[in-house]
Amino acid sequence: NGFFAVVHDVFTMPKAMRQLAWVQFFSWFSLFAMWIYTTAAVTSHHYGSVDVTSKAYNDGADWVGVLFAAYNGFAALAALVIPVMVKRVGIR
C-alpha cells in the first residue's frame, strides 16, 4: 500500500530531511494561501473594489498577474545564482 510506504519513509528518513519536511510543508502552505488570496487583497486594498465585474477589480487582478510574473522571474534568477554562490562559499 502506497500510504503505508510513505508513512514508513517519513519515520525512517534522516533527521535533516525530517526537519526540511516541516519547512517544505509550511512553505507550500504559505504559497497556497498567497495564490488564493493575493487577488482579493490587492484589488480590495489598492484598487478599492471587491466587485469582480468592475474595471478597477480587473485592473487589480491584471496587476496581480504582473506581480506573480515578477516573483517567478526573480526566483528563476536566484536559481541561476545559487550554484555560483555554492562554488564560491561552499556547501557549509
N, C-alpha and C. Protein backbone atom coordinates (compact mmCIF):
# COMPACT_ATOMS: atom_id res chain seq x y z
N ASN A 1 0.85 -1.18 0.00
CA ASN A 1 0.00 0.00 0.00
C ASN A 1 0.89 1.24 0.00
N GLY A 2 0.59 2.17 -0.88
CA GLY A 2 1.40 3.38 -1.02
C GLY A 2 1.39 4.26 0.21
N PHE A 3 0.24 4.36 0.89
CA PHE A 3 0.14 5.21 2.08
C PHE A 3 1.08 4.73 3.18
N PHE A 4 1.10 3.42 3.43
CA PHE A 4 1.96 2.88 4.47
C PHE A 4 3.43 3.01 4.10
N ALA A 5 3.74 2.92 2.82
CA ALA A 5 5.12 3.12 2.38
C ALA A 5 5.57 4.54 2.67
N VAL A 6 4.70 5.52 2.41
CA VAL A 6 5.04 6.92 2.69
C VAL A 6 5.22 7.14 4.19
N VAL A 7 4.31 6.60 5.00
CA VAL A 7 4.42 6.73 6.46
C VAL A 7 5.72 6.10 6.94
N HIS A 8 6.04 4.93 6.44
CA HIS A 8 7.30 4.27 6.81
C HIS A 8 8.50 5.12 6.44
N ASP A 9 8.48 5.67 5.23
CA ASP A 9 9.59 6.51 4.78
C ASP A 9 9.74 7.76 5.65
N VAL A 10 8.62 8.35 6.06
CA VAL A 10 8.68 9.56 6.89
C VAL A 10 9.34 9.24 8.23
N PHE A 11 9.01 8.10 8.81
CA PHE A 11 9.57 7.78 10.12
C PHE A 11 10.99 7.24 10.06
N THR A 12 11.46 6.82 8.90
CA THR A 12 12.82 6.28 8.79
C THR A 12 13.78 7.21 8.06
N MET A 13 13.31 8.37 7.64
CA MET A 13 14.19 9.30 6.92
C MET A 13 15.20 9.93 7.88
N PRO A 14 16.32 10.38 7.37
CA PRO A 14 17.33 11.04 8.21
C PRO A 14 16.76 12.30 8.87
N LYS A 15 17.37 12.68 10.00
CA LYS A 15 16.89 13.81 10.79
C LYS A 15 16.84 15.10 9.97
N ALA A 16 17.87 15.35 9.18
CA ALA A 16 17.91 16.59 8.39
C ALA A 16 16.73 16.65 7.41
N MET A 17 16.40 15.53 6.80
CA MET A 17 15.27 15.51 5.87
C MET A 17 13.95 15.71 6.61
N ARG A 18 13.84 15.17 7.81
CA ARG A 18 12.62 15.35 8.59
C ARG A 18 12.43 16.82 8.96
N GLN A 19 13.53 17.49 9.30
CA GLN A 19 13.45 18.92 9.61
C GLN A 19 13.05 19.72 8.37
N LEU A 20 13.60 19.36 7.23
CA LEU A 20 13.25 20.05 5.99
C LEU A 20 11.80 19.79 5.58
N ALA A 21 11.25 18.66 5.97
CA ALA A 21 9.86 18.36 5.65
C ALA A 21 8.94 19.41 6.26
N TRP A 22 9.24 19.85 7.48
CA TRP A 22 8.43 20.90 8.12
C TRP A 22 8.56 22.21 7.36
N VAL A 23 9.76 22.53 6.94
CA VAL A 23 9.98 23.76 6.18
C VAL A 23 9.20 23.69 4.87
N GLN A 24 9.27 22.58 4.18
CA GLN A 24 8.55 22.42 2.92
C GLN A 24 7.04 22.51 3.12
N PHE A 25 6.54 21.87 4.18
CA PHE A 25 5.10 21.92 4.43
C PHE A 25 4.62 23.35 4.61
N PHE A 26 5.29 24.11 5.47
CA PHE A 26 4.83 25.46 5.74
C PHE A 26 5.11 26.40 4.56
N SER A 27 6.15 26.14 3.79
CA SER A 27 6.39 26.94 2.59
C SER A 27 5.27 26.75 1.58
N TRP A 28 4.90 25.52 1.32
CA TRP A 28 3.84 25.26 0.35
C TRP A 28 2.48 25.71 0.87
N PHE A 29 2.26 25.58 2.17
CA PHE A 29 1.01 26.07 2.76
C PHE A 29 0.90 27.58 2.56
N SER A 30 2.00 28.28 2.77
CA SER A 30 2.01 29.74 2.58
C SER A 30 1.81 30.12 1.12
N LEU A 31 2.47 29.41 0.22
CA LEU A 31 2.29 29.70 -1.20
C LEU A 31 0.85 29.48 -1.63
N PHE A 32 0.24 28.41 -1.14
CA PHE A 32 -1.16 28.13 -1.46
C PHE A 32 -2.05 29.29 -1.01
N ALA A 33 -1.83 29.77 0.21
CA ALA A 33 -2.60 30.90 0.72
C ALA A 33 -2.35 32.15 -0.13
N MET A 34 -1.11 32.37 -0.53
CA MET A 34 -0.79 33.53 -1.36
C MET A 34 -1.51 33.45 -2.70
N TRP A 35 -1.49 32.27 -3.34
CA TRP A 35 -2.14 32.12 -4.64
C TRP A 35 -3.64 32.36 -4.55
N ILE A 36 -4.25 31.98 -3.45
CA ILE A 36 -5.69 32.14 -3.30
C ILE A 36 -6.09 33.57 -2.98
N TYR A 37 -5.37 34.22 -2.07
CA TYR A 37 -5.85 35.48 -1.51
C TYR A 37 -5.19 36.74 -2.08
N THR A 38 -4.16 36.63 -2.88
CA THR A 38 -3.48 37.84 -3.36
C THR A 38 -4.40 38.71 -4.21
N THR A 39 -5.15 38.13 -5.11
CA THR A 39 -6.02 38.94 -5.97
C THR A 39 -7.04 39.71 -5.15
N ALA A 40 -7.69 39.03 -4.22
CA ALA A 40 -8.69 39.71 -3.39
C ALA A 40 -8.04 40.80 -2.53
N ALA A 41 -6.86 40.53 -2.00
CA ALA A 41 -6.19 41.52 -1.15
C ALA A 41 -5.76 42.75 -1.94
N VAL A 42 -5.14 42.53 -3.09
CA VAL A 42 -4.65 43.66 -3.90
C VAL A 42 -5.82 44.47 -4.44
N THR A 43 -6.84 43.79 -4.95
CA THR A 43 -7.95 44.55 -5.53
C THR A 43 -8.74 45.32 -4.49
N SER A 44 -8.91 44.76 -3.31
CA SER A 44 -9.68 45.49 -2.29
C SER A 44 -8.86 46.58 -1.63
N HIS A 45 -7.60 46.33 -1.35
CA HIS A 45 -6.78 47.30 -0.62
C HIS A 45 -6.25 48.41 -1.52
N HIS A 46 -5.70 48.05 -2.67
CA HIS A 46 -5.05 49.05 -3.53
C HIS A 46 -5.97 49.61 -4.61
N TYR A 47 -6.97 48.83 -5.04
CA TYR A 47 -7.86 49.28 -6.10
C TYR A 47 -9.26 49.61 -5.58
N GLY A 48 -9.51 49.35 -4.31
CA GLY A 48 -10.77 49.72 -3.68
C GLY A 48 -12.00 49.06 -4.26
N SER A 49 -11.86 47.83 -4.74
CA SER A 49 -13.00 47.16 -5.36
C SER A 49 -13.06 45.70 -4.95
N VAL A 50 -14.26 45.24 -4.65
CA VAL A 50 -14.49 43.81 -4.42
C VAL A 50 -15.47 43.25 -5.45
N ASP A 51 -15.95 44.10 -6.34
CA ASP A 51 -16.88 43.70 -7.40
C ASP A 51 -16.08 43.13 -8.56
N VAL A 52 -16.20 41.82 -8.75
CA VAL A 52 -15.38 41.15 -9.77
C VAL A 52 -15.72 41.57 -11.19
N THR A 53 -16.82 42.28 -11.38
CA THR A 53 -17.18 42.74 -12.72
C THR A 53 -16.71 44.16 -13.01
N SER A 54 -16.13 44.83 -12.01
CA SER A 54 -15.73 46.22 -12.20
C SER A 54 -14.37 46.31 -12.90
N LYS A 55 -14.14 47.43 -13.55
CA LYS A 55 -12.87 47.68 -14.22
C LYS A 55 -11.73 47.75 -13.21
N ALA A 56 -11.97 48.40 -12.06
CA ALA A 56 -10.93 48.52 -11.04
C ALA A 56 -10.48 47.15 -10.55
N TYR A 57 -11.44 46.27 -10.30
CA TYR A 57 -11.09 44.92 -9.84
C TYR A 57 -10.26 44.20 -10.89
N ASN A 58 -10.67 44.28 -12.13
CA ASN A 58 -9.95 43.59 -13.20
C ASN A 58 -8.58 44.20 -13.45
N ASP A 59 -8.45 45.52 -13.28
CA ASP A 59 -7.12 46.13 -13.37
C ASP A 59 -6.22 45.61 -12.25
N GLY A 60 -6.78 45.48 -11.05
CA GLY A 60 -6.02 44.93 -9.93
C GLY A 60 -5.65 43.49 -10.15
N ALA A 61 -6.57 42.71 -10.70
CA ALA A 61 -6.29 41.30 -10.99
C ALA A 61 -5.19 41.19 -12.05
N ASP A 62 -5.21 42.08 -13.04
CA ASP A 62 -4.13 42.09 -14.04
C ASP A 62 -2.80 42.42 -13.38
N TRP A 63 -2.81 43.34 -12.43
CA TRP A 63 -1.58 43.72 -11.73
C TRP A 63 -1.04 42.55 -10.91
N VAL A 64 -1.94 41.75 -10.34
CA VAL A 64 -1.50 40.56 -9.61
C VAL A 64 -0.77 39.61 -10.55
N GLY A 65 -1.24 39.49 -11.78
CA GLY A 65 -0.53 38.68 -12.77
C GLY A 65 0.87 39.18 -13.01
N VAL A 66 1.03 40.50 -13.08
CA VAL A 66 2.36 41.10 -13.25
C VAL A 66 3.23 40.80 -12.03
N LEU A 67 2.64 40.93 -10.84
CA LEU A 67 3.40 40.66 -9.60
C LEU A 67 3.87 39.20 -9.55
N PHE A 68 2.98 38.27 -9.91
CA PHE A 68 3.37 36.86 -9.90
C PHE A 68 4.43 36.57 -10.96
N ALA A 69 4.36 37.23 -12.10
CA ALA A 69 5.38 37.05 -13.13
C ALA A 69 6.73 37.56 -12.63
N ALA A 70 6.73 38.72 -11.98
CA ALA A 70 7.98 39.25 -11.42
C ALA A 70 8.52 38.32 -10.34
N TYR A 71 7.64 37.81 -9.50
CA TYR A 71 8.04 36.86 -8.44
C TYR A 71 8.74 35.65 -9.06
N ASN A 72 8.15 35.08 -10.10
CA ASN A 72 8.74 33.92 -10.76
C ASN A 72 10.04 34.27 -11.47
N GLY A 73 10.10 35.47 -12.05
CA GLY A 73 11.34 35.90 -12.69
C GLY A 73 12.49 36.03 -11.70
N PHE A 74 12.22 36.64 -10.56
CA PHE A 74 13.26 36.76 -9.53
C PHE A 74 13.66 35.39 -8.99
N ALA A 75 12.70 34.48 -8.85
CA ALA A 75 13.03 33.13 -8.40
C ALA A 75 13.92 32.42 -9.41
N ALA A 76 13.65 32.60 -10.69
CA ALA A 76 14.49 31.99 -11.73
C ALA A 76 15.90 32.56 -11.69
N LEU A 77 16.01 33.86 -11.52
CA LEU A 77 17.34 34.47 -11.41
C LEU A 77 18.09 33.96 -10.19
N ALA A 78 17.39 33.84 -9.07
CA ALA A 78 18.02 33.31 -7.86
C ALA A 78 18.49 31.88 -8.08
N ALA A 79 17.70 31.09 -8.80
CA ALA A 79 18.09 29.71 -9.07
C ALA A 79 19.37 29.64 -9.90
N LEU A 80 19.58 30.62 -10.76
CA LEU A 80 20.81 30.66 -11.56
C LEU A 80 22.00 31.12 -10.73
N VAL A 81 21.76 31.93 -9.72
CA VAL A 81 22.84 32.46 -8.89
C VAL A 81 23.29 31.47 -7.82
N ILE A 82 22.39 30.62 -7.36
CA ILE A 82 22.71 29.70 -6.26
C ILE A 82 23.93 28.83 -6.56
N PRO A 83 24.05 28.18 -7.73
CA PRO A 83 25.25 27.36 -7.98
C PRO A 83 26.55 28.17 -7.92
N VAL A 84 26.51 29.40 -8.39
CA VAL A 84 27.70 30.26 -8.33
C VAL A 84 28.07 30.54 -6.88
N MET A 85 27.08 30.83 -6.07
CA MET A 85 27.34 31.09 -4.65
C MET A 85 27.91 29.86 -3.96
N VAL A 86 27.38 28.68 -4.29
CA VAL A 86 27.86 27.45 -3.67
C VAL A 86 29.31 27.19 -4.06
N LYS A 87 29.68 27.47 -5.31
CA LYS A 87 31.07 27.28 -5.73
C LYS A 87 32.01 28.21 -4.98
N ARG A 88 31.58 29.44 -4.75
CA ARG A 88 32.43 30.41 -4.06
C ARG A 88 32.49 30.16 -2.56
N VAL A 89 31.35 29.96 -1.95
CA VAL A 89 31.27 29.86 -0.49
C VAL A 89 31.44 28.42 -0.01
N GLY A 90 30.98 27.48 -0.79
CA GLY A 90 30.98 26.09 -0.36
C GLY A 90 29.62 25.73 0.19
N ILE A 91 29.42 24.45 0.39
CA ILE A 91 28.12 23.99 0.88
C ILE A 91 27.92 24.36 2.34
N ARG A 92 28.97 24.35 3.11
CA ARG A 92 28.83 24.69 4.55
C ARG A 92 29.51 25.98 4.85
